[in-house]
PDB file of all heavy atoms in Angstrom:
ATOM      1  N   LEU A   1      19.239 -76.851 -72.335  1.00  0.00           N
ATOM      2  CA  LEU A   1      19.340 -76.876 -70.878  1.00  0.00           C
ATOM      3  C   LEU A   1      19.063 -75.481 -70.341  1.00  0.00           C
ATOM      4  O   LEU A   1      19.445 -74.476 -70.955  1.00  0.00           O
ATOM      5  CB  LEU A   1      20.735 -77.337 -70.432  1.00  0.00           C
ATOM      6  CG  LEU A   1      20.935 -78.858 -70.315  1.00  0.00           C
ATOM      7  CD1 LEU A   1      20.763 -79.536 -71.659  1.00  0.00           C
ATOM      8  CD2 LEU A   1      22.286 -79.188 -69.707  1.00  0.00           C
ATOM      9  N   SER A   2      18.390 -75.418 -69.197  1.00  0.00           N
ATOM     10  CA  SER A   2      18.049 -74.127 -68.605  1.00  0.00           C
ATOM     11  C   SER A   2      18.134 -74.216 -67.083  1.00  0.00           C
ATOM     12  O   SER A   2      17.686 -75.206 -66.491  1.00  0.00           O
ATOM     13  CB  SER A   2      16.637 -73.704 -69.029  1.00  0.00           C
ATOM     14  OG  SER A   2      16.294 -72.452 -68.479  1.00  0.00           O
ATOM     15  N   GLY A   3      18.694 -73.186 -66.464  1.00  0.00           N
ATOM     16  CA  GLY A   3      18.876 -73.179 -65.007  1.00  0.00           C
ATOM     17  C   GLY A   3      17.661 -72.674 -64.267  1.00  0.00           C
ATOM     18  O   GLY A   3      17.742 -71.713 -63.493  1.00  0.00           O
ATOM     19  N   ILE A   4      16.520 -73.313 -64.461  1.00  0.00           N
ATOM     20  CA  ILE A   4      15.264 -72.841 -63.855  1.00  0.00           C
ATOM     21  C   ILE A   4      14.620 -73.922 -62.982  1.00  0.00           C
ATOM     22  O   ILE A   4      13.437 -73.838 -62.658  1.00  0.00           O
ATOM     23  CB  ILE A   4      14.262 -72.394 -64.955  1.00  0.00           C
ATOM     24  CG1 ILE A   4      13.959 -73.547 -65.918  1.00  0.00           C
ATOM     25  CG2 ILE A   4      14.807 -71.192 -65.713  1.00  0.00           C
ATOM     26  CD1 ILE A   4      12.901 -73.209 -66.959  1.00  0.00           C
ATOM     27  N   ALA A   5      15.412 -74.920 -62.584  1.00  0.00           N
ATOM     28  CA  ALA A   5      14.852 -76.044 -61.824  1.00  0.00           C
ATOM     29  C   ALA A   5      14.294 -75.619 -60.471  1.00  0.00           C
ATOM     30  O   ALA A   5      13.387 -76.273 -59.933  1.00  0.00           O
ATOM     31  CB  ALA A   5      15.915 -77.122 -61.632  1.00  0.00           C
ATOM     32  N   GLU A   6      14.806 -74.524 -59.893  1.00  0.00           N
ATOM     33  CA  GLU A   6      14.325 -74.064 -58.598  1.00  0.00           C
ATOM     34  C   GLU A   6      12.950 -73.408 -58.692  1.00  0.00           C
ATOM     35  O   GLU A   6      12.298 -73.174 -57.678  1.00  0.00           O
ATOM     36  CB  GLU A   6      15.328 -73.071 -57.994  1.00  0.00           C
ATOM     37  CG  GLU A   6      16.678 -73.701 -57.669  1.00  0.00           C
ATOM     38  CD  GLU A   6      17.661 -72.664 -57.158  1.00  0.00           C
ATOM     39  OE1 GLU A   6      17.487 -71.465 -57.480  1.00  0.00           O
ATOM     40  OE2 GLU A   6      18.602 -73.043 -56.446  1.00  0.00           O
ATOM     41  N   HIS A   7      12.516 -73.113 -59.903  1.00  0.00           N
ATOM     42  CA  HIS A   7      11.267 -72.371 -60.084  1.00  0.00           C
ATOM     43  C   HIS A   7      10.141 -73.218 -60.684  1.00  0.00           C
ATOM     44  O   HIS A   7       8.969 -72.831 -60.602  1.00  0.00           O
ATOM     45  CB  HIS A   7      11.505 -71.158 -60.998  1.00  0.00           C
ATOM     46  CG  HIS A   7      12.519 -70.202 -60.454  1.00  0.00           C
ATOM     47  ND1 HIS A   7      12.179 -69.150 -59.640  1.00  0.00           N
ATOM     48  CD2 HIS A   7      13.865 -70.154 -60.619  1.00  0.00           C
ATOM     49  CE1 HIS A   7      13.283 -68.473 -59.326  1.00  0.00           C
ATOM     50  NE2 HIS A   7      14.317 -69.064 -59.911  1.00  0.00           N
ATOM     51  N   PHE A   8      10.474 -74.333 -61.331  1.00  0.00           N
ATOM     52  CA  PHE A   8       9.450 -75.107 -62.034  1.00  0.00           C
ATOM     53  C   PHE A   8       9.650 -76.601 -61.814  1.00  0.00           C
ATOM     54  O   PHE A   8      10.789 -77.084 -61.741  1.00  0.00           O
ATOM     55  CB  PHE A   8       9.491 -74.836 -63.551  1.00  0.00           C
ATOM     56  CG  PHE A   8       9.296 -73.396 -63.927  1.00  0.00           C
ATOM     57  CD1 PHE A   8      10.390 -72.573 -64.166  1.00  0.00           C
ATOM     58  CD2 PHE A   8       8.017 -72.866 -64.042  1.00  0.00           C
ATOM     59  CE1 PHE A   8      10.216 -71.246 -64.526  1.00  0.00           C
ATOM     60  CE2 PHE A   8       7.837 -71.539 -64.393  1.00  0.00           C
ATOM     61  CZ  PHE A   8       8.928 -70.723 -64.631  1.00  0.00           C
ATOM     62  N   GLU A   9       8.530 -77.322 -61.732  1.00  0.00           N
ATOM     63  CA  GLU A   9       8.574 -78.772 -61.751  1.00  0.00           C
ATOM     64  C   GLU A   9       8.536 -79.212 -63.210  1.00  0.00           C
ATOM     65  O   GLU A   9       7.642 -78.784 -63.962  1.00  0.00           O
ATOM     66  CB  GLU A   9       7.389 -79.367 -60.983  1.00  0.00           C
ATOM     67  CG  GLU A   9       7.436 -79.124 -59.486  1.00  0.00           C
ATOM     68  CD  GLU A   9       8.656 -79.774 -58.845  1.00  0.00           C
ATOM     69  OE1 GLU A   9       9.085 -80.855 -59.319  1.00  0.00           O
ATOM     70  OE2 GLU A   9       9.190 -79.185 -57.883  1.00  0.00           O
ATOM     71  N   PRO A  10       9.470 -80.027 -63.639  1.00  0.00           N
ATOM     72  CA  PRO A  10       9.570 -80.338 -65.075  1.00  0.00           C
ATOM     73  C   PRO A  10       8.304 -80.936 -65.674  1.00  0.00           C
ATOM     74  O   PRO A  10       7.935 -80.608 -66.809  1.00  0.00           O
ATOM     75  CB  PRO A  10      10.753 -81.326 -65.142  1.00  0.00           C
ATOM     76  CG  PRO A  10      10.960 -81.803 -63.745  1.00  0.00           C
ATOM     77  CD  PRO A  10      10.514 -80.697 -62.851  1.00  0.00           C
ATOM     78  N   GLU A  11       7.612 -81.787 -64.932  1.00  0.00           N
ATOM     79  CA  GLU A  11       6.436 -82.439 -65.491  1.00  0.00           C
ATOM     80  C   GLU A  11       5.307 -81.453 -65.787  1.00  0.00           C
ATOM     81  O   GLU A  11       4.413 -81.725 -66.606  1.00  0.00           O
ATOM     82  CB  GLU A  11       5.922 -83.554 -64.569  1.00  0.00           C
ATOM     83  CG  GLU A  11       5.556 -83.102 -63.166  1.00  0.00           C
ATOM     84  CD  GLU A  11       6.736 -83.158 -62.202  1.00  0.00           C
ATOM     85  OE1 GLU A  11       7.888 -83.286 -62.679  1.00  0.00           O
ATOM     86  OE2 GLU A  11       6.497 -83.089 -60.991  1.00  0.00           O
ATOM     87  N   THR A  12       5.317 -80.284 -65.133  1.00  0.00           N
ATOM     88  CA  THR A  12       4.260 -79.290 -65.381  1.00  0.00           C
ATOM     89  C   THR A  12       4.514 -78.466 -66.642  1.00  0.00           C
ATOM     90  O   THR A  12       3.653 -77.700 -67.067  1.00  0.00           O
ATOM     91  CB  THR A  12       4.138 -78.337 -64.182  1.00  0.00           C
ATOM     92  OG1 THR A  12       5.348 -77.555 -64.073  1.00  0.00           O
ATOM     93  CG2 THR A  12       3.896 -79.109 -62.896  1.00  0.00           C
ATOM     94  N   LEU A  13       5.695 -78.621 -67.233  1.00  0.00           N
ATOM     95  CA  LEU A  13       6.061 -77.786 -68.381  1.00  0.00           C
ATOM     96  C   LEU A  13       5.822 -78.472 -69.722  1.00  0.00           C
ATOM     97  O   LEU A  13       5.833 -77.816 -70.767  1.00  0.00           O
ATOM     98  CB  LEU A  13       7.532 -77.384 -68.283  1.00  0.00           C
ATOM     99  CG  LEU A  13       7.916 -76.587 -67.020  1.00  0.00           C
ATOM    100  CD1 LEU A  13       9.397 -76.277 -67.031  1.00  0.00           C
ATOM    101  CD2 LEU A  13       7.115 -75.298 -66.943  1.00  0.00           C
ATOM    102  N   VAL A  14       5.627 -79.773 -69.717  1.00  0.00           N
ATOM    103  CA  VAL A  14       5.437 -80.503 -70.972  1.00  0.00           C
ATOM    104  C   VAL A  14       4.168 -80.009 -71.676  1.00  0.00           C
ATOM    105  O   VAL A  14       3.110 -79.894 -71.055  1.00  0.00           O
ATOM    106  CB  VAL A  14       5.358 -82.021 -70.720  1.00  0.00           C
ATOM    107  CG1 VAL A  14       5.049 -82.764 -72.019  1.00  0.00           C
ATOM    108  CG2 VAL A  14       6.665 -82.524 -70.127  1.00  0.00           C
ATOM    109  N   GLY A  15       4.309 -79.696 -72.952  1.00  0.00           N
ATOM    110  CA  GLY A  15       3.189 -79.205 -73.745  1.00  0.00           C
ATOM    111  C   GLY A  15       3.097 -77.691 -73.801  1.00  0.00           C
ATOM    112  O   GLY A  15       2.359 -77.154 -74.626  1.00  0.00           O
ATOM    113  N   ARG A  16       3.832 -77.008 -72.926  1.00  0.00           N
ATOM    114  CA  ARG A  16       3.774 -75.541 -72.929  1.00  0.00           C
ATOM    115  C   ARG A  16       4.633 -74.975 -74.050  1.00  0.00           C
ATOM    116  O   ARG A  16       5.628 -75.560 -74.466  1.00  0.00           O
ATOM    117  CB  ARG A  16       4.229 -74.979 -71.582  1.00  0.00           C
ATOM    118  CG  ARG A  16       3.246 -75.265 -70.458  1.00  0.00           C
ATOM    119  CD  ARG A  16       3.691 -74.670 -69.140  1.00  0.00           C
ATOM    120  NE  ARG A  16       3.855 -73.225 -69.180  1.00  0.00           N
ATOM    121  CZ  ARG A  16       4.126 -72.472 -68.116  1.00  0.00           C
ATOM    122  NH1 ARG A  16       4.250 -73.049 -66.916  1.00  0.00           N
ATOM    123  NH2 ARG A  16       4.261 -71.178 -68.216  1.00  0.00           N
ATOM    124  N   GLN A  17       4.241 -73.791 -74.525  1.00  0.00           N
ATOM    125  CA  GLN A  17       5.032 -73.111 -75.538  1.00  0.00           C
ATOM    126  C   GLN A  17       5.932 -72.073 -74.883  1.00  0.00           C
ATOM    127  O   GLN A  17       5.545 -71.432 -73.898  1.00  0.00           O
ATOM    128  CB  GLN A  17       4.128 -72.454 -76.584  1.00  0.00           C
ATOM    129  CG  GLN A  17       3.417 -73.467 -77.472  1.00  0.00           C
ATOM    130  CD  GLN A  17       2.939 -72.859 -78.765  1.00  0.00           C
ATOM    131  OE1 GLN A  17       2.231 -71.866 -78.769  1.00  0.00           O
ATOM    132  NE2 GLN A  17       3.329 -73.469 -79.892  1.00  0.00           N
ATOM    133  N   VAL A  18       7.130 -71.932 -75.426  1.00  0.00           N
ATOM    134  CA  VAL A  18       8.120 -71.012 -74.870  1.00  0.00           C
ATOM    135  C   VAL A  18       8.786 -70.242 -76.002  1.00  0.00           C
ATOM    136  O   VAL A  18       8.696 -70.619 -77.163  1.00  0.00           O
ATOM    137  CB  VAL A  18       9.204 -71.774 -74.063  1.00  0.00           C
ATOM    138  CG1 VAL A  18       8.627 -72.337 -72.778  1.00  0.00           C
ATOM    139  CG2 VAL A  18       9.833 -72.885 -74.896  1.00  0.00           C
ATOM    140  N   CYS A  19       9.429 -69.152 -75.636  1.00  0.00           N
ATOM    141  CA  CYS A  19      10.213 -68.375 -76.587  1.00  0.00           C
ATOM    142  C   CYS A  19      11.681 -68.766 -76.432  1.00  0.00           C
ATOM    143  O   CYS A  19      12.193 -68.849 -75.318  1.00  0.00           O
ATOM    144  CB  CYS A  19      10.033 -66.876 -76.349  1.00  0.00           C
ATOM    145  SG  CYS A  19       8.328 -66.323 -76.559  1.00  0.00           S
ATOM    146  N   VAL A  20      12.334 -68.995 -77.560  1.00  0.00           N
ATOM    147  CA  VAL A  20      13.682 -69.557 -77.538  1.00  0.00           C
ATOM    148  C   VAL A  20      14.619 -68.727 -78.412  1.00  0.00           C
ATOM    149  O   VAL A  20      14.233 -68.289 -79.505  1.00  0.00           O
ATOM    150  CB  VAL A  20      13.654 -71.019 -78.060  1.00  0.00           C
ATOM    151  CG1 VAL A  20      15.059 -71.559 -78.244  1.00  0.00           C
ATOM    152  CG2 VAL A  20      12.866 -71.909 -77.111  1.00  0.00           C
ATOM    153  N   VAL A  21      15.834 -68.490 -77.917  1.00  0.00           N
ATOM    154  CA  VAL A  21      16.903 -67.968 -78.769  1.00  0.00           C
ATOM    155  C   VAL A  21      17.470 -69.183 -79.498  1.00  0.00           C
ATOM    156  O   VAL A  21      18.122 -70.033 -78.889  1.00  0.00           O
ATOM    157  CB  VAL A  21      17.999 -67.263 -77.954  1.00  0.00           C
ATOM    158  CG1 VAL A  21      19.078 -66.713 -78.894  1.00  0.00           C
ATOM    159  CG2 VAL A  21      17.406 -66.135 -77.126  1.00  0.00           C
ATOM    160  N   ALA A  22      17.209 -69.273 -80.805  1.00  0.00           N
ATOM    161  CA  ALA A  22      17.460 -70.521 -81.522  1.00  0.00           C
ATOM    162  C   ALA A  22      18.820 -70.590 -82.204  1.00  0.00           C
ATOM    163  O   ALA A  22      19.215 -71.654 -82.670  1.00  0.00           O
ATOM    164  CB  ALA A  22      16.363 -70.739 -82.563  1.00  0.00           C
ATOM    165  N   ASN A  23      19.541 -69.478 -82.273  1.00  0.00           N
ATOM    166  CA  ASN A  23      20.798 -69.512 -83.012  1.00  0.00           C
ATOM    167  C   ASN A  23      22.026 -69.306 -82.136  1.00  0.00           C
ATOM    168  O   ASN A  23      23.064 -68.844 -82.602  1.00  0.00           O
ATOM    169  CB  ASN A  23      20.775 -68.476 -84.142  1.00  0.00           C
ATOM    170  CG  ASN A  23      20.662 -67.046 -83.630  1.00  0.00           C
ATOM    171  OD1 ASN A  23      20.165 -66.805 -82.528  1.00  0.00           O
ATOM    172  ND2 ASN A  23      21.102 -66.087 -84.418  1.00  0.00           N
ATOM    173  N   LEU A  24      21.907 -69.651 -80.834  1.00  0.00           N
ATOM    174  CA  LEU A  24      23.097 -69.638 -79.984  1.00  0.00           C
ATOM    175  C   LEU A  24      24.012 -70.795 -80.365  1.00  0.00           C
ATOM    176  O   LEU A  24      23.544 -71.885 -80.716  1.00  0.00           O
ATOM    177  CB  LEU A  24      22.699 -69.789 -78.510  1.00  0.00           C
ATOM    178  CG  LEU A  24      22.096 -68.569 -77.803  1.00  0.00           C
ATOM    179  CD1 LEU A  24      21.825 -68.923 -76.354  1.00  0.00           C
ATOM    180  CD2 LEU A  24      23.019 -67.372 -77.881  1.00  0.00           C
ATOM    181  N   ALA A  25      25.303 -70.560 -80.291  1.00  0.00           N
ATOM    182  CA  ALA A  25      26.248 -71.641 -80.553  1.00  0.00           C
ATOM    183  C   ALA A  25      26.068 -72.733 -79.490  1.00  0.00           C
ATOM    184  O   ALA A  25      25.990 -72.431 -78.297  1.00  0.00           O
ATOM    185  CB  ALA A  25      27.683 -71.116 -80.527  1.00  0.00           C
ATOM    186  N   PRO A  26      25.958 -74.006 -79.883  1.00  0.00           N
ATOM    187  CA  PRO A  26      25.790 -75.086 -78.897  1.00  0.00           C
ATOM    188  C   PRO A  26      26.974 -75.149 -77.935  1.00  0.00           C
ATOM    189  O   PRO A  26      28.111 -74.856 -78.308  1.00  0.00           O
ATOM    190  CB  PRO A  26      25.736 -76.352 -79.772  1.00  0.00           C
ATOM    191  CG  PRO A  26      25.340 -75.865 -81.128  1.00  0.00           C
ATOM    192  CD  PRO A  26      25.947 -74.506 -81.265  1.00  0.00           C
ATOM    193  N   ARG A  27      26.671 -75.529 -76.698  1.00  0.00           N
ATOM    194  CA  ARG A  27      27.748 -75.711 -75.713  1.00  0.00           C
ATOM    195  C   ARG A  27      27.392 -76.852 -74.781  1.00  0.00           C
ATOM    196  O   ARG A  27      26.217 -77.197 -74.618  1.00  0.00           O
ATOM    197  CB  ARG A  27      27.986 -74.432 -74.920  1.00  0.00           C
ATOM    198  CG  ARG A  27      26.789 -73.957 -74.119  1.00  0.00           C
ATOM    199  CD  ARG A  27      27.194 -72.820 -73.211  1.00  0.00           C
ATOM    200  NE  ARG A  27      26.074 -72.332 -72.422  1.00  0.00           N
ATOM    201  CZ  ARG A  27      26.227 -71.664 -71.271  1.00  0.00           C
ATOM    202  NH1 ARG A  27      27.423 -71.428 -70.813  1.00  0.00           N
ATOM    203  NH2 ARG A  27      25.170 -71.248 -70.603  1.00  0.00           N
ATOM    204  N   LYS A  28      28.429 -77.436 -74.180  1.00  0.00           N
ATOM    205  CA  LYS A  28      28.221 -78.557 -73.271  1.00  0.00           C
ATOM    206  C   LYS A  28      28.086 -78.065 -71.842  1.00  0.00           C
ATOM    207  O   LYS A  28      28.876 -77.245 -71.380  1.00  0.00           O
ATOM    208  CB  LYS A  28      29.381 -79.549 -73.365  1.00  0.00           C
ATOM    209  CG  LYS A  28      29.193 -80.586 -74.457  1.00  0.00           C
ATOM    210  CD  LYS A  28      30.166 -81.743 -74.280  1.00  0.00           C
ATOM    211  CE  LYS A  28      29.861 -82.853 -75.276  1.00  0.00           C
ATOM    212  NZ  LYS A  28      30.732 -84.023 -75.071  1.00  0.00           N
ATOM    213  N   ILE A  29      27.051 -78.569 -71.171  1.00  0.00           N
ATOM    214  CA  ILE A  29      26.832 -78.272 -69.758  1.00  0.00           C
ATOM    215  C   ILE A  29      26.619 -79.609 -69.046  1.00  0.00           C
ATOM    216  O   ILE A  29      25.713 -80.373 -69.401  1.00  0.00           O
ATOM    217  CB  ILE A  29      25.595 -77.368 -69.555  1.00  0.00           C
ATOM    218  CG1 ILE A  29      25.701 -76.094 -70.401  1.00  0.00           C
ATOM    219  CG2 ILE A  29      25.419 -77.033 -68.087  1.00  0.00           C
ATOM    220  CD1 ILE A  29      24.454 -75.228 -70.362  1.00  0.00           C
ATOM    221  N   ARG A  30      27.478 -79.903 -68.083  1.00  0.00           N
ATOM    222  CA  ARG A  30      27.401 -81.177 -67.354  1.00  0.00           C
ATOM    223  C   ARG A  30      27.376 -82.370 -68.320  1.00  0.00           C
ATOM    224  O   ARG A  30      26.637 -83.333 -68.116  1.00  0.00           O
ATOM    225  CB  ARG A  30      26.173 -81.221 -66.443  1.00  0.00           C
ATOM    226  CG  ARG A  30      26.178 -80.215 -65.306  1.00  0.00           C
ATOM    227  CD  ARG A  30      27.311 -80.520 -64.324  1.00  0.00           C
ATOM    228  NE  ARG A  30      27.332 -79.601 -63.198  1.00  0.00           N
ATOM    229  CZ  ARG A  30      26.821 -79.879 -62.008  1.00  0.00           C
ATOM    230  NH1 ARG A  30      26.219 -81.040 -61.798  1.00  0.00           N
ATOM    231  NH2 ARG A  30      26.898 -79.000 -61.028  1.00  0.00           N
ATOM    232  N   GLY A  31      28.142 -82.262 -69.381  1.00  0.00           N
ATOM    233  CA  GLY A  31      28.234 -83.360 -70.334  1.00  0.00           C
ATOM    234  C   GLY A  31      27.109 -83.433 -71.345  1.00  0.00           C
ATOM    235  O   GLY A  31      27.113 -84.307 -72.216  1.00  0.00           O
ATOM    236  N   LEU A  32      26.129 -82.536 -71.258  1.00  0.00           N
ATOM    237  CA  LEU A  32      25.002 -82.522 -72.196  1.00  0.00           C
ATOM    238  C   LEU A  32      25.085 -81.300 -73.106  1.00  0.00           C
ATOM    239  O   LEU A  32      25.433 -80.201 -72.652  1.00  0.00           O
ATOM    240  CB  LEU A  32      23.672 -82.507 -71.432  1.00  0.00           C
ATOM    241  CG  LEU A  32      23.401 -83.716 -70.521  1.00  0.00           C
ATOM    242  CD1 LEU A  32      22.119 -83.471 -69.719  1.00  0.00           C
ATOM    243  CD2 LEU A  32      23.281 -84.988 -71.338  1.00  0.00           C
ATOM    244  N   VAL A  33      24.756 -81.488 -74.374  1.00  0.00           N
ATOM    245  CA  VAL A  33      24.795 -80.373 -75.324  1.00  0.00           C
ATOM    246  C   VAL A  33      23.504 -79.559 -75.214  1.00  0.00           C
ATOM    247  O   VAL A  33      22.400 -80.108 -75.256  1.00  0.00           O
ATOM    248  CB  VAL A  33      24.963 -80.893 -76.772  1.00  0.00           C
ATOM    249  CG1 VAL A  33      24.884 -79.729 -77.767  1.00  0.00           C
ATOM    250  CG2 VAL A  33      26.290 -81.617 -76.922  1.00  0.00           C
ATOM    251  N   SER A  34      23.669 -78.254 -75.069  1.00  0.00           N
ATOM    252  CA  SER A  34      22.532 -77.338 -75.048  1.00  0.00           C
ATOM    253  C   SER A  34      22.615 -76.444 -76.278  1.00  0.00           C
ATOM    254  O   SER A  34      23.619 -75.761 -76.491  1.00  0.00           O
ATOM    255  CB  SER A  34      22.543 -76.481 -73.778  1.00  0.00           C
ATOM    256  OG  SER A  34      21.439 -75.585 -73.771  1.00  0.00           O
TER     257      SER A  34
END
């Protein structure tokens, strides 16, 4: 989950490559695990 909804339309991001911090401890946000 990422708080960037004000800056991007989700459908325009599918297929794009991103850089990710992959070893953060999972946490729940609004009932969803990130």
